[in-house]
Amino acid sequence: GWIQVYVEDAQEVLDMIIQAYRIAEDPTVLTPFMVNLDGFLLTHTYEPVSIPDQAGVDAFLPAFSTHNKISLEKPLNMGFSTTPQDNLEYKYQQHQAMLDSVEVIQKTDSEFAERFGRKYGGLVEEYFCNDAEVILVTLGSVTGTARVVVDRLRETGRRVGLLKIRYMRPFPVNEVNRVCGTVKRVGIIDRDISFGYEGTVFTNVNSALSRLSNSPETVNFVCGLGGRDIAKEDLEGMFLQLLDGSGSGEMERVQFIGMRVSINDR
């Protein structure tokens, strides 16, 4: 059970590494933290970043303290597994710690903004969602390109919005439902595929929306696998498809975008 944040650019990578220590080491959380960044697009490119001074970071991060220490007086172990007799109770506590991390994530994001001037929105980041007819859900670096497309379509009068999911664990169920619950269609980008089924982000978003009494139609756009570029034209096509619908009946639920061969050529 790892807390998982997915970042958009190099600045967010740096900032989230700093925040990760504060969140993971909080006494109510004590859970490993994973900062996920796109391979090649972020790992093998250069971007300018603002590096906070050491004194500011030291003031932001409290000294690490834990009760789980090696002690002859009170022997304890860290990262230890157990027998089936106690394993369920261990896993329940891990689950509860993940849920408790939500409040810590929000608080840490706000306090980071106060000290360093950069705020990321906590579990999600919204862009022109308030009056949107359709929303595209993104993860990671494609979000920056998607914002450009949203701006372009907004200039033509099309009411499109963008929801960037930052944390996959804990999953932002309430935020997804609040943002997407009033629109007619939601597109979910996945740079992965669970073979024989659908994308993982799509599965999680649909699970959240199933709690609504009247959930929007959802479409899974699978693209960018293996680091392939996702062009602005691809994203614009997704938005237009969501706006226009299929024309007759429901849209195809899982779509592979940017295929270079016919599906019949496989």
Protein backbone atom coordinates (compact mmCIF):
# COMPACT_ATOMS: atom_id res chain seq x y z
CA GLY A 1 0.00 0.00 0.00
CA TRP A 2 1.78 3.09 -1.32
CA ILE A 3 0.49 6.64 -1.58
CA GLN A 4 0.75 7.44 -5.31
CA VAL A 5 1.00 10.93 -6.78
CA TYR A 6 1.36 11.53 -10.55
CA VAL A 7 3.16 14.71 -11.56
CA GLU A 8 2.95 16.92 -14.62
CA ASP A 9 6.35 18.58 -14.93
CA ALA A 10 9.81 18.81 -13.40
CA GLN A 11 8.80 21.50 -10.92
CA GLU A 12 6.03 19.33 -9.56
CA VAL A 13 8.47 16.41 -9.31
CA LEU A 14 10.78 18.44 -7.09
CA ASP A 15 7.99 19.90 -4.98
CA MET A 16 6.28 16.56 -4.45
CA ILE A 17 9.50 14.88 -3.31
CA ILE A 18 9.65 17.49 -0.56
CA GLN A 19 5.97 17.09 0.30
CA ALA A 20 6.26 13.30 0.19
CA TYR A 21 8.48 13.21 3.29
CA ARG A 22 6.07 15.38 5.25
CA ILE A 23 3.01 13.32 4.27
CA ALA A 24 4.57 9.85 4.58
CA GLU A 25 6.15 10.56 7.98
CA ASP A 26 3.05 12.10 9.53
CA PRO A 27 2.19 10.04 12.66
CA THR A 28 -1.35 9.42 11.38
CA VAL A 29 -0.08 8.14 8.02
CA LEU A 30 3.33 6.40 8.22
CA THR A 31 2.85 4.99 4.72
CA PRO A 32 5.36 4.72 1.84
CA PHE A 33 5.02 7.46 -0.78
CA MET A 34 5.57 7.06 -4.53
CA VAL A 35 6.20 10.09 -6.82
CA ASN A 36 5.35 8.94 -10.36
CA LEU A 37 6.64 10.76 -13.43
CA ASP A 38 6.38 9.98 -17.13
CA GLY A 39 9.32 8.06 -18.53
CA PHE A 40 11.32 9.95 -21.17
CA LEU A 41 8.99 12.97 -21.32
CA LEU A 42 10.12 13.99 -17.84
CA THR A 43 12.97 11.64 -16.97
CA HIS A 44 15.05 12.37 -20.09
CA THR A 45 14.32 16.06 -20.78
CA TYR A 46 15.45 19.35 -19.24
CA GLU A 47 13.25 22.03 -17.67
CA PRO A 48 14.07 25.04 -15.52
CA VAL A 49 12.87 24.64 -11.93
CA SER A 50 12.79 26.86 -8.88
CA ILE A 51 14.82 25.19 -6.14
CA PRO A 52 13.75 26.23 -2.63
CA ASP A 53 16.52 27.19 -0.22
CA GLN A 54 17.70 24.61 2.28
CA ALA A 55 16.61 26.62 5.31
CA GLY A 56 13.05 26.85 3.96
CA VAL A 57 12.87 23.13 3.32
CA ASP A 58 14.31 22.32 6.74
CA ALA A 59 11.67 24.53 8.36
CA PHE A 60 8.92 22.86 6.31
CA LEU A 61 9.99 19.29 7.12
CA PRO A 62 9.85 18.33 10.79
CA ALA A 63 12.52 16.02 12.16
CA PHE A 64 11.61 12.38 11.63
CA SER A 65 10.27 10.68 14.72
CA THR A 66 8.68 7.25 15.11
CA HIS A 67 7.71 4.92 17.93
CA ASN A 68 8.75 1.95 15.78
CA LYS A 69 12.35 1.79 16.92
CA ILE A 70 14.68 -1.02 17.85
CA SER A 71 14.58 -1.07 21.63
CA LEU A 72 15.67 -3.60 24.22
CA GLU A 73 13.08 -2.27 26.65
CA LYS A 74 10.15 -2.45 24.20
CA PRO A 75 11.07 -4.66 21.21
CA LEU A 76 9.30 -3.65 18.00
CA ASN A 77 9.87 -4.30 14.31
CA MET A 78 9.36 -2.13 11.25
CA GLY A 79 8.03 -3.37 7.91
CA PHE A 80 7.37 -6.81 9.33
CA SER A 81 4.76 -9.21 7.97
CA THR A 82 2.75 -11.60 10.08
CA THR A 83 0.81 -14.83 10.06
CA PRO A 84 -2.69 -15.24 8.60
CA GLN A 85 -4.07 -15.02 12.12
CA ASP A 86 -3.20 -11.28 12.33
CA ASN A 87 -2.72 -10.24 8.70
CA LEU A 88 -6.25 -8.91 8.13
CA GLU A 89 -5.92 -6.52 11.07
CA TYR A 90 -2.56 -5.30 9.75
CA LYS A 91 -4.06 -4.61 6.31
CA TYR A 92 -7.03 -2.82 7.82
CA GLN A 93 -4.68 -0.42 9.61
CA GLN A 94 -2.82 0.21 6.34
CA HIS A 95 -6.13 0.92 4.63
CA GLN A 96 -7.16 3.32 7.38
CA ALA A 97 -3.81 5.13 7.23
CA MET A 98 -4.32 5.65 3.49
CA LEU A 99 -7.74 7.17 4.13
CA ASP A 100 -6.32 9.36 6.89
CA SER A 101 -3.67 10.67 4.49
CA VAL A 102 -6.29 12.69 2.56
CA GLU A 103 -6.49 15.39 5.22
CA VAL A 104 -2.70 15.45 5.57
CA ILE A 105 -2.28 15.80 1.78
CA GLN A 106 -4.65 18.79 1.66
CA LYS A 107 -3.02 20.48 4.64
CA THR A 108 0.49 19.88 3.31
CA ASP A 109 -0.42 21.33 -0.10
CA SER A 110 -1.80 24.49 1.51
CA GLU A 111 1.16 24.96 3.85
CA PHE A 112 3.60 24.35 1.00
CA ALA A 113 1.85 27.11 -0.99
CA GLU A 114 2.11 29.52 1.94
CA ARG A 115 5.84 28.95 2.29
CA PHE A 116 6.97 28.44 -1.33
CA GLY A 117 4.20 30.05 -3.42
CA ARG A 118 3.16 26.96 -5.42
CA LYS A 119 -0.16 25.18 -4.87
CA TYR A 120 -1.29 22.04 -6.70
CA GLY A 121 -4.85 21.53 -5.46
CA GLY A 122 -4.38 18.46 -3.28
CA LEU A 123 -5.85 15.28 -4.75
CA VAL A 124 -6.99 16.84 -8.05
CA GLU A 125 -6.58 20.01 -10.09
CA GLU A 126 -9.52 21.50 -11.98
CA TYR A 127 -9.35 23.60 -15.14
CA PHE A 128 -12.51 25.28 -16.49
CA CYS A 129 -14.76 22.63 -14.96
CA ASN A 130 -17.41 24.88 -13.38
CA ASP A 131 -19.54 25.37 -16.51
CA ALA A 132 -18.21 22.50 -18.64
CA GLU A 133 -20.51 20.28 -20.70
CA VAL A 134 -17.83 17.62 -21.05
CA ILE A 135 -14.66 16.91 -19.11
CA LEU A 136 -11.44 15.14 -20.02
CA VAL A 137 -9.62 13.38 -17.17
CA THR A 138 -5.83 13.26 -17.33
CA LEU A 139 -2.83 12.03 -15.37
CA GLY A 140 0.73 13.27 -15.64
CA SER A 141 2.50 15.27 -18.34
CA VAL A 142 -0.27 15.17 -20.97
CA THR A 143 -2.18 17.61 -18.77
CA GLY A 144 -0.12 20.57 -19.94
CA THR A 145 -0.92 19.85 -23.58
CA ALA A 146 -4.58 19.33 -22.71
CA ARG A 147 -4.77 22.80 -21.12
CA VAL A 148 -3.66 24.36 -24.39
CA VAL A 149 -6.43 22.48 -26.20
CA VAL A 150 -9.02 23.55 -23.62
CA ASP A 151 -8.01 27.19 -24.14
CA ARG A 152 -8.26 26.80 -27.90
CA LEU A 153 -11.72 25.22 -27.78
CA ARG A 154 -12.96 27.72 -25.20
CA GLU A 155 -12.07 30.53 -27.62
CA THR A 156 -14.53 28.99 -30.09
CA GLY A 157 -17.30 28.88 -27.50
CA ARG A 158 -17.08 25.18 -26.64
CA ARG A 159 -17.57 24.52 -22.94
CA VAL A 160 -14.93 21.90 -22.21
CA GLY A 161 -13.12 21.24 -18.95
CA LEU A 162 -10.10 19.36 -17.68
CA LEU A 163 -9.68 17.34 -14.49
CA LYS A 164 -6.16 16.36 -13.57
CA ILE A 165 -6.06 13.47 -11.13
CA ARG A 166 -2.95 13.90 -9.01
CA TYR A 167 -3.40 11.06 -6.55
CA MET A 168 -4.45 7.57 -7.57
CA ARG A 169 -4.04 6.38 -4.00
CA PRO A 170 -5.81 7.56 -1.99
CA PHE A 171 -8.30 7.87 -4.86
CA PRO A 172 -10.22 11.19 -5.00
CA VAL A 173 -13.73 9.72 -5.06
CA ASN A 174 -15.51 12.79 -3.69
CA GLU A 175 -13.64 15.19 -5.94
CA VAL A 176 -14.29 13.15 -9.09
CA ASN A 177 -18.00 12.94 -8.31
CA ARG A 178 -18.29 16.63 -7.45
CA VAL A 179 -16.57 17.75 -10.65
CA CYS A 180 -17.94 15.18 -13.10
CA GLY A 181 -21.37 14.53 -11.65
CA THR A 182 -23.17 17.29 -13.57
CA VAL A 183 -21.69 16.91 -17.07
CA LYS A 184 -23.08 14.80 -19.89
CA ARG A 185 -19.88 12.96 -20.84
CA VAL A 186 -16.48 12.29 -19.34
CA GLY A 187 -13.45 11.11 -21.28
CA ILE A 188 -10.66 9.37 -19.40
CA ILE A 189 -7.15 9.16 -20.84
CA ASP A 190 -5.16 6.02 -20.04
CA ARG A 191 -1.52 5.52 -20.97
CA ASP A 192 -1.98 1.89 -19.95
CA ILE A 193 -4.29 -1.00 -20.79
CA SER A 194 -5.43 -3.92 -18.69
CA PHE A 195 -5.46 -6.46 -21.51
CA GLY A 196 -8.88 -7.83 -22.24
CA TYR A 197 -10.65 -5.11 -20.26
CA GLU A 198 -9.90 -1.35 -20.09
CA GLY A 199 -7.50 1.27 -18.72
CA THR A 200 -6.81 1.41 -15.00
CA VAL A 201 -7.71 5.08 -14.55
CA PHE A 202 -10.97 4.45 -16.40
CA THR A 203 -11.82 1.61 -14.02
CA ASN A 204 -11.19 3.79 -10.98
CA VAL A 205 -13.14 6.78 -12.29
CA ASN A 206 -16.12 4.60 -13.20
CA SER A 207 -16.06 3.01 -9.77
CA ALA A 208 -16.31 6.47 -8.20
CA LEU A 209 -19.08 7.64 -10.56
CA SER A 210 -21.12 4.50 -9.86
CA ARG A 211 -21.97 6.03 -6.48
CA LEU A 212 -24.00 8.75 -8.21
CA SER A 213 -27.69 8.25 -8.90
CA ASN A 214 -27.30 9.71 -12.40
CA SER A 215 -23.75 9.25 -13.64
CA PRO A 216 -22.44 10.67 -16.93
CA GLU A 217 -21.50 8.61 -19.96
CA THR A 218 -17.81 7.72 -19.87
CA VAL A 219 -15.35 6.93 -22.65
CA ASN A 220 -11.86 5.48 -22.28
CA PHE A 221 -9.20 6.96 -24.59
CA VAL A 222 -6.16 4.66 -24.57
CA CYS A 223 -3.12 6.38 -26.09
CA GLY A 224 0.51 7.29 -25.55
CA LEU A 225 1.57 3.73 -24.75
CA GLY A 226 5.30 3.18 -24.53
CA GLY A 227 5.95 6.93 -24.42
CA ARG A 228 4.36 7.76 -27.79
CA ASP A 229 3.44 11.45 -28.11
CA ILE A 230 -0.16 12.54 -27.60
CA ALA A 231 -0.68 15.44 -29.99
CA LYS A 232 -2.94 18.45 -29.53
CA GLU A 233 -4.94 17.19 -32.50
CA ASP A 234 -5.56 13.89 -30.70
CA LEU A 235 -6.83 15.70 -27.62
CA GLU A 236 -9.00 18.06 -29.64
CA GLY A 237 -10.55 15.05 -31.35
CA MET A 238 -11.37 13.53 -27.97
CA PHE A 239 -13.10 16.71 -26.81
CA LEU A 240 -15.08 17.08 -30.03
CA GLN A 241 -16.17 13.46 -29.86
CA LEU A 242 -17.37 13.97 -26.29
CA LEU A 243 -19.27 17.09 -27.31
CA ASP A 244 -20.87 15.57 -30.38
CA GLY A 245 -21.50 12.06 -29.09
CA SER A 246 -21.76 9.10 -31.41
CA GLY A 247 -24.71 10.50 -33.36
CA SER A 248 -26.64 7.30 -32.78
CA GLY A 249 -26.61 5.32 -29.57
CA GLU A 250 -23.76 5.07 -27.12
CA MET A 251 -20.15 5.84 -27.98
CA GLU A 252 -17.59 3.08 -28.18
CA ARG A 253 -16.55 2.53 -24.57
CA VAL A 254 -12.81 1.83 -25.02
CA GLN A 255 -11.01 3.53 -27.92
CA PHE A 256 -7.39 3.28 -28.99
CA ILE A 257 -6.28 6.70 -30.24
CA GLY A 258 -3.62 7.17 -32.93
CA MET A 259 -3.46 3.60 -34.23
CA ARG A 260 -1.13 3.39 -37.23
CA VAL A 261 -2.58 0.16 -38.58
CA SER A 262 -6.08 -1.11 -39.06
CA ILE A 263 -7.31 -3.33 -36.25
CA ASN A 264 -7.89 -5.96 -38.92
CA ASP A 265 -4.16 -5.99 -39.75
CA ARG A 266 -3.14 -7.40 -36.38
